[in-house]
Amino acid sequence: MVKLSIIILNVGGREYLGRLLNSISNSSFDDYEILIADTEEINVNWDKVIKIKLDHNYGPPRNRNITFEEAKGEYILFLDNDTEVFRDTLQNFITYMDENPDKMVQLKLINTKDLIDSAGGFIDDLGYPTERGRDLKPLEYRRYDRILYGKGAALGMKRETFKKLGGFDGDFFYGFADTDLGYRGWRKGIPVVFHPDSVVRHYEHGSFSSAEREERITFLLESRRLYFVFKNYDTGFLLRRIPFIIYYLIGSMLMDVLRRRKFNLFKIRVKAVSWFLTKIPEIIRKRLNQSKEQYVYTDSELVNLGLILYHKDVIKKLR
């Protein structure tokens, strides 16, 4: 059995792949296979590469699940194609996993300015994500901290762990699937940690204008947040938060119109809520299935662990 399966989605980013593969080939660790998935032909000739031809772009979560089915490694590592590893990144990751095989690991993502891109994250009780360390110096994040979720751009774990969790929830299509995976891991007693010594550079390309990007982020944040919260939270925990979820959502819409004068964002939030409402039958079905599962931690216990934050406390820190 190969030690590590590196899973890379290459849909829509073919110009970045060569840089990543070159960095992997220069690694001090070499017991790996590389699985590359794309909807088009993959022009790579390397005996360590396994090419996965997708018949359709099902979105990153489901594309990753499909690719995972071909993985043979003891451990798996998801990397975005616009990333780059350093010489000891993979070796440091494997060394840590051999000592902590029960955990999910977020590798340290840095940007092109050598500042933190992501050191993992938390969510608050209304489902809003809070990423750690964005644009801070890497030396400020040197501890193996517990986090609620790791960013899918550089996320690793034991192969059996991913299988046990049923993979990513492909119904998110884009956004929040890595948050959902980390949350479900914790509920099952699988810790998620930040690994400061396995460093990955993330170029995080984008082809949207600032206005398009704002609209896209707003839609994905609101629609997937609602889906995540109503799909996952314990019934009692959720019912106590529904009034606040509605309050802050309406407040954001009013701010869009009255203060920001961004009527386009108001329409985007309405669109996000409409998308969420169409998913209610699907959410009910998933909640019924989840009610049969055995969990280690409740949502209230995740709050006590500092992994789910209170929204009001997050707002206070931002002021």
Protein backbone atom coordinates (compact mmCIF):
# COMPACT_ATOMS: atom_id res chain seq x y z
CA MET A 1 0.00 0.00 0.00
CA VAL A 2 1.22 3.49 -0.85
CA LYS A 3 1.56 5.76 2.19
CA LEU A 4 -0.11 8.93 0.85
CA SER A 5 -2.74 9.72 -1.78
CA ILE A 6 -2.64 13.34 -2.92
CA ILE A 7 -5.99 14.37 -4.41
CA ILE A 8 -6.05 17.36 -6.77
CA LEU A 9 -9.03 18.81 -8.63
CA ASN A 10 -7.94 20.41 -11.87
CA VAL A 11 -11.28 21.67 -13.19
CA GLY A 12 -10.89 25.21 -14.49
CA GLY A 13 -7.28 25.77 -13.42
CA ARG A 14 -5.00 23.87 -15.76
CA GLU A 15 -2.37 26.61 -15.95
CA TYR A 16 -1.55 26.14 -12.25
CA LEU A 17 -1.09 22.37 -12.16
CA GLY A 18 2.50 22.21 -13.40
CA ARG A 19 3.79 24.37 -10.56
CA LEU A 20 2.13 22.16 -7.95
CA LEU A 21 3.36 18.91 -9.49
CA ASN A 22 6.89 20.29 -9.75
CA SER A 23 6.87 21.20 -6.05
CA ILE A 24 5.61 17.72 -5.12
CA SER A 25 8.34 16.07 -7.20
CA ASN A 26 10.96 18.02 -5.22
CA SER A 27 9.64 16.80 -1.85
CA SER A 28 11.85 14.94 0.62
CA PHE A 29 8.99 12.41 0.98
CA ASP A 30 8.27 10.20 -2.03
CA ASP A 31 5.91 7.37 -1.00
CA TYR A 32 2.83 8.86 -2.63
CA GLU A 33 0.42 8.67 -5.53
CA ILE A 34 -1.20 11.71 -7.12
CA LEU A 35 -4.82 11.55 -8.26
CA ILE A 36 -5.78 14.36 -10.63
CA ALA A 37 -9.43 14.83 -11.62
CA ASP A 38 -10.64 16.94 -14.53
CA THR A 39 -13.52 17.13 -16.98
CA GLU A 40 -11.00 17.37 -19.83
CA GLU A 41 -7.97 15.34 -20.83
CA ILE A 42 -5.04 15.60 -18.38
CA ASN A 43 -1.78 16.15 -20.21
CA VAL A 44 0.60 14.74 -17.59
CA ASN A 45 2.97 11.82 -18.08
CA TRP A 46 4.32 10.67 -14.72
CA ASP A 47 4.10 7.20 -13.23
CA LYS A 48 2.96 8.58 -9.87
CA VAL A 49 -0.06 10.28 -11.45
CA ILE A 50 -3.47 8.61 -11.74
CA LYS A 51 -5.81 10.48 -14.08
CA ILE A 52 -9.51 10.64 -13.24
CA LYS A 53 -11.79 11.78 -16.08
CA LEU A 54 -14.97 13.37 -14.73
CA ASP A 55 -18.01 13.17 -17.00
CA HIS A 56 -19.37 16.36 -15.45
CA ASN A 57 -18.34 19.08 -13.00
CA TYR A 58 -20.31 18.08 -9.91
CA GLY A 59 -18.73 20.78 -7.74
CA PRO A 60 -15.58 20.43 -5.60
CA PRO A 61 -17.11 18.31 -2.78
CA ARG A 62 -18.57 15.61 -5.00
CA ASN A 63 -15.60 15.74 -7.42
CA ARG A 64 -13.31 15.05 -4.46
CA ASN A 65 -15.49 12.15 -3.32
CA ILE A 66 -15.39 10.59 -6.79
CA THR A 67 -11.61 10.94 -6.94
CA PHE A 68 -11.20 9.54 -3.42
CA GLU A 69 -12.77 6.25 -4.54
CA GLU A 70 -9.60 5.53 -6.55
CA ALA A 71 -7.20 6.42 -3.71
CA LYS A 72 -5.12 3.60 -2.22
CA GLY A 73 -3.04 5.50 0.34
CA GLU A 74 -3.06 5.01 4.09
CA TYR A 75 -3.47 8.77 4.35
CA ILE A 76 -5.09 11.26 1.99
CA LEU A 77 -4.25 14.90 1.37
CA PHE A 78 -6.53 17.25 -0.53
CA LEU A 79 -4.68 20.06 -2.31
CA ASP A 80 -6.11 22.79 -4.52
CA ASN A 81 -4.36 23.02 -7.86
CA ASP A 82 -3.30 26.62 -7.15
CA THR A 83 -1.13 25.54 -4.21
CA GLU A 84 2.54 24.69 -3.86
CA VAL A 85 4.26 22.50 -1.26
CA PHE A 86 7.74 22.97 0.19
CA ARG A 87 10.46 20.36 0.44
CA ASP A 88 9.47 19.02 3.88
CA THR A 89 5.71 19.72 3.78
CA LEU A 90 4.68 16.14 3.01
CA GLN A 91 7.23 14.52 5.33
CA ASN A 92 6.15 16.72 8.25
CA PHE A 93 2.51 15.89 7.55
CA ILE A 94 3.15 12.13 7.45
CA THR A 95 5.28 12.21 10.61
CA TYR A 96 2.48 13.96 12.48
CA MET A 97 -0.20 11.63 11.11
CA ASP A 98 1.75 8.52 12.12
CA GLU A 99 1.74 9.87 15.68
CA ASN A 100 -1.88 11.16 15.53
CA PRO A 101 -3.77 8.90 13.11
CA ASP A 102 -7.17 9.71 14.61
CA LYS A 103 -7.12 13.40 13.62
CA MET A 104 -7.98 15.59 10.66
CA VAL A 105 -5.24 18.08 9.86
CA GLN A 106 -5.27 21.56 8.36
CA LEU A 107 -1.85 22.35 6.90
CA LYS A 108 -0.57 25.91 7.30
CA LEU A 109 -1.63 27.90 4.24
CA ILE A 110 0.39 31.00 3.40
CA ASN A 111 -0.17 33.48 0.59
CA THR A 112 2.23 35.01 -1.92
CA LYS A 113 3.27 37.65 0.64
CA ASP A 114 4.30 34.91 3.10
CA LEU A 115 1.41 35.82 5.39
CA ILE A 116 -1.21 33.40 6.69
CA ASP A 117 -3.91 32.51 4.19
CA SER A 118 -5.68 30.16 6.61
CA ALA A 119 -4.90 28.49 9.91
CA GLY A 120 -8.25 26.75 10.13
CA GLY A 121 -11.42 28.20 11.50
CA PHE A 122 -14.46 28.18 13.76
CA ILE A 123 -18.13 28.94 13.27
CA ASP A 124 -20.50 30.88 15.49
CA ASP A 125 -23.87 29.68 16.71
CA LEU A 126 -25.61 31.31 13.72
CA GLY A 127 -23.32 29.50 11.29
CA TYR A 128 -21.04 32.36 10.30
CA PRO A 129 -17.45 31.15 9.75
CA THR A 130 -14.42 32.78 11.35
CA GLU A 131 -11.07 31.94 9.74
CA ARG A 132 -7.96 32.25 11.87
CA GLY A 133 -4.87 34.22 11.06
CA ARG A 134 -5.76 35.79 7.73
CA ASP A 135 -2.88 38.09 6.61
CA LEU A 136 -0.97 37.67 9.88
CA LYS A 137 2.66 36.57 10.15
CA PRO A 138 3.16 32.76 10.22
CA LEU A 139 5.26 32.94 13.39
CA GLU A 140 2.12 33.99 15.26
CA TYR A 141 0.67 30.54 14.57
CA ARG A 142 3.18 27.99 15.86
CA ARG A 143 0.93 25.79 18.01
CA TYR A 144 -0.95 22.61 17.17
CA ASP A 145 -4.31 24.22 17.92
CA ARG A 146 -7.73 22.63 17.89
CA ILE A 147 -9.97 24.08 15.18
CA LEU A 148 -13.52 23.29 14.12
CA TYR A 149 -12.63 22.86 10.46
CA GLY A 150 -9.74 22.90 8.03
CA LYS A 151 -9.76 24.59 4.66
CA GLY A 152 -10.09 22.11 1.80
CA ALA A 153 -7.18 23.72 -0.07
CA ALA A 154 -4.79 21.73 2.16
CA LEU A 155 -6.59 19.18 4.32
CA GLY A 156 -5.40 15.70 5.29
CA MET A 157 -6.44 12.68 7.32
CA LYS A 158 -6.36 8.91 7.47
CA ARG A 159 -8.14 7.31 4.53
CA GLU A 160 -10.44 5.39 6.87
CA THR A 161 -11.43 8.61 8.66
CA PHE A 162 -12.73 10.18 5.46
CA LYS A 163 -14.54 6.95 4.61
CA LYS A 164 -16.09 6.76 8.08
CA LEU A 165 -17.53 10.27 7.67
CA GLY A 166 -18.97 9.47 4.26
CA GLY A 167 -16.80 12.05 2.54
CA PHE A 168 -17.84 15.60 1.78
CA ASP A 169 -21.51 16.46 1.49
CA GLY A 170 -21.76 17.00 -2.27
CA ASP A 171 -25.07 18.85 -1.94
CA PHE A 172 -23.21 21.98 -0.84
CA PHE A 173 -21.76 22.04 -4.39
CA TYR A 174 -19.51 25.00 -3.55
CA GLY A 175 -18.62 26.47 -0.18
CA PHE A 176 -19.04 25.17 3.40
CA ALA A 177 -18.36 21.51 2.57
CA ASP A 178 -15.03 21.58 4.43
CA THR A 179 -16.73 23.32 7.39
CA ASP A 180 -19.42 20.64 7.35
CA LEU A 181 -16.83 17.84 7.25
CA GLY A 182 -14.89 19.22 10.21
CA TYR A 183 -18.08 19.74 12.22
CA ARG A 184 -19.26 16.18 11.52
CA GLY A 185 -15.82 14.92 12.46
CA TRP A 186 -15.97 16.59 15.85
CA ARG A 187 -19.50 15.31 16.46
CA LYS A 188 -18.12 11.81 15.88
CA GLY A 189 -15.17 12.42 18.21
CA ILE A 190 -12.58 13.04 15.46
CA PRO A 191 -10.48 16.10 16.38
CA VAL A 192 -9.47 18.65 13.76
CA VAL A 193 -6.11 20.34 14.35
CA PHE A 194 -3.91 22.98 12.76
CA HIS A 195 -0.43 21.73 11.80
CA PRO A 196 2.03 24.67 11.84
CA ASP A 197 5.02 22.76 10.46
CA SER A 198 3.44 21.55 7.21
CA VAL A 199 3.39 24.67 5.06
CA VAL A 200 1.57 25.10 1.74
CA ARG A 201 1.57 28.22 -0.41
CA HIS A 202 -1.87 29.15 -1.74
CA TYR A 203 -2.06 31.42 -4.77
CA GLU A 204 -5.89 31.53 -4.65
CA HIS A 205 -6.58 32.76 -8.16
CA GLY A 206 -9.85 34.38 -9.14
CA SER A 207 -11.43 35.72 -12.31
CA PHE A 208 -14.25 37.80 -10.86
CA SER A 209 -14.48 41.59 -10.58
CA SER A 210 -14.77 43.00 -7.05
CA ALA A 211 -18.53 43.51 -7.47
CA GLU A 212 -19.05 40.00 -8.83
CA ARG A 213 -16.90 38.57 -6.06
CA GLU A 214 -18.93 40.40 -3.39
CA GLU A 215 -22.17 39.06 -4.83
CA ARG A 216 -20.79 35.53 -5.12
CA ILE A 217 -19.46 35.49 -1.56
CA THR A 218 -22.72 36.93 -0.18
CA PHE A 219 -24.83 34.30 -1.96
CA LEU A 220 -22.61 31.39 -0.93
CA LEU A 221 -22.24 32.59 2.66
CA GLU A 222 -25.96 33.10 3.26
CA SER A 223 -27.31 30.10 1.34
CA ARG A 224 -24.76 27.54 2.55
CA ARG A 225 -24.78 28.90 6.11
CA LEU A 226 -28.53 28.38 6.37
CA TYR A 227 -28.22 24.92 4.82
CA PHE A 228 -25.42 23.98 7.23
CA VAL A 229 -27.18 25.20 10.37
CA PHE A 230 -30.58 23.68 9.63
CA LYS A 231 -29.05 20.42 8.44
CA ASN A 232 -26.65 19.90 11.34
CA TYR A 233 -27.49 21.60 14.63
CA ASP A 234 -29.17 19.67 17.45
CA THR A 235 -32.91 20.35 17.47
CA GLY A 236 -32.97 22.24 20.78
CA PHE A 237 -29.81 24.18 19.95
CA LEU A 238 -31.27 25.14 16.56
CA LEU A 239 -34.71 26.17 17.82
CA ARG A 240 -33.17 28.58 20.33
CA ARG A 241 -31.23 30.25 17.52
CA ILE A 242 -33.83 30.54 14.78
CA PRO A 243 -35.13 33.94 16.02
CA PHE A 244 -31.58 35.33 15.95
CA ILE A 245 -30.87 33.83 12.53
CA ILE A 246 -33.97 35.60 11.16
CA TYR A 247 -33.14 38.83 13.03
CA TYR A 248 -29.60 39.12 11.65
CA LEU A 249 -30.64 38.09 8.14
CA ILE A 250 -33.37 40.74 7.97
CA GLY A 251 -30.95 43.23 9.54
CA SER A 252 -28.40 42.56 6.80
CA MET A 253 -31.06 43.05 4.13
CA LEU A 254 -32.14 46.38 5.63
CA MET A 255 -28.51 47.49 5.85
CA ASP A 256 -28.04 46.63 2.17
CA VAL A 257 -30.93 48.93 1.21
CA LEU A 258 -30.85 51.75 3.77
CA ARG A 259 -27.18 52.21 4.65
CA ARG A 260 -24.98 50.52 2.04
CA ARG A 261 -27.32 51.39 -0.85
CA LYS A 262 -26.42 48.07 -2.43
CA PHE A 263 -29.74 46.89 -3.79
CA ASN A 264 -27.94 44.14 -5.71
CA LEU A 265 -26.86 42.53 -2.41
CA PHE A 266 -30.43 42.71 -1.11
CA LYS A 267 -31.53 40.74 -4.18
CA ILE A 268 -28.67 38.28 -3.70
CA ARG A 269 -29.75 37.57 -0.10
CA VAL A 270 -33.33 37.01 -1.27
CA LYS A 271 -31.96 34.61 -3.89
CA ALA A 272 -29.93 32.81 -1.19
CA VAL A 273 -32.99 32.39 1.04
CA SER A 274 -35.01 31.14 -1.95
CA TRP A 275 -32.31 28.55 -2.70
CA PHE A 276 -32.35 27.43 0.93
CA LEU A 277 -36.15 27.07 0.98
CA THR A 278 -36.02 24.69 -1.99
CA LYS A 279 -33.64 22.50 0.03
CA ILE A 280 -35.90 22.04 3.07
CA PRO A 281 -37.22 18.58 2.03
CA GLU A 282 -33.62 17.47 1.47
CA ILE A 283 -32.59 18.86 4.88
CA ILE A 284 -35.47 17.07 6.63
CA ARG A 285 -34.43 13.78 5.03
CA LYS A 286 -30.84 14.26 6.17
CA ARG A 287 -31.88 15.17 9.72
CA LEU A 288 -33.94 11.99 9.93
CA ASN A 289 -30.95 9.92 8.81
CA GLN A 290 -28.64 11.72 11.24
CA SER A 291 -31.00 11.05 14.14
CA LYS A 292 -29.96 7.40 13.91
CA GLU A 293 -26.25 8.23 14.31
CA GLN A 294 -24.24 7.99 17.54
CA TYR A 295 -22.43 11.20 18.47
CA VAL A 296 -19.64 11.95 20.94
CA TYR A 297 -20.18 15.71 21.26
CA THR A 298 -23.35 17.82 21.32
CA ASP A 299 -23.39 21.37 19.93
CA SER A 300 -23.37 22.77 23.47
CA GLU A 301 -20.24 20.75 24.24
CA LEU A 302 -18.58 22.11 21.09
CA VAL A 303 -19.39 25.59 22.41
CA ASN A 304 -17.70 24.69 25.70
CA LEU A 305 -14.64 23.50 23.75
CA GLY A 306 -14.45 26.90 22.05
CA LEU A 307 -15.13 25.44 18.59
CA ILE A 308 -18.57 27.01 18.14
CA LEU A 309 -18.55 30.66 19.18
CA TYR A 310 -21.41 32.93 20.18
CA HIS A 311 -22.24 35.42 17.43
CA LYS A 312 -22.62 38.27 19.90
CA ASP A 313 -19.09 37.66 21.20
CA VAL A 314 -17.65 37.65 17.67
CA ILE A 315 -19.39 40.97 16.93
CA LYS A 316 -17.97 42.51 20.12
CA LYS A 317 -14.42 41.58 19.09
CA LEU A 318 -14.91 43.22 15.69
CA ARG A 319 -15.98 46.52 17.23
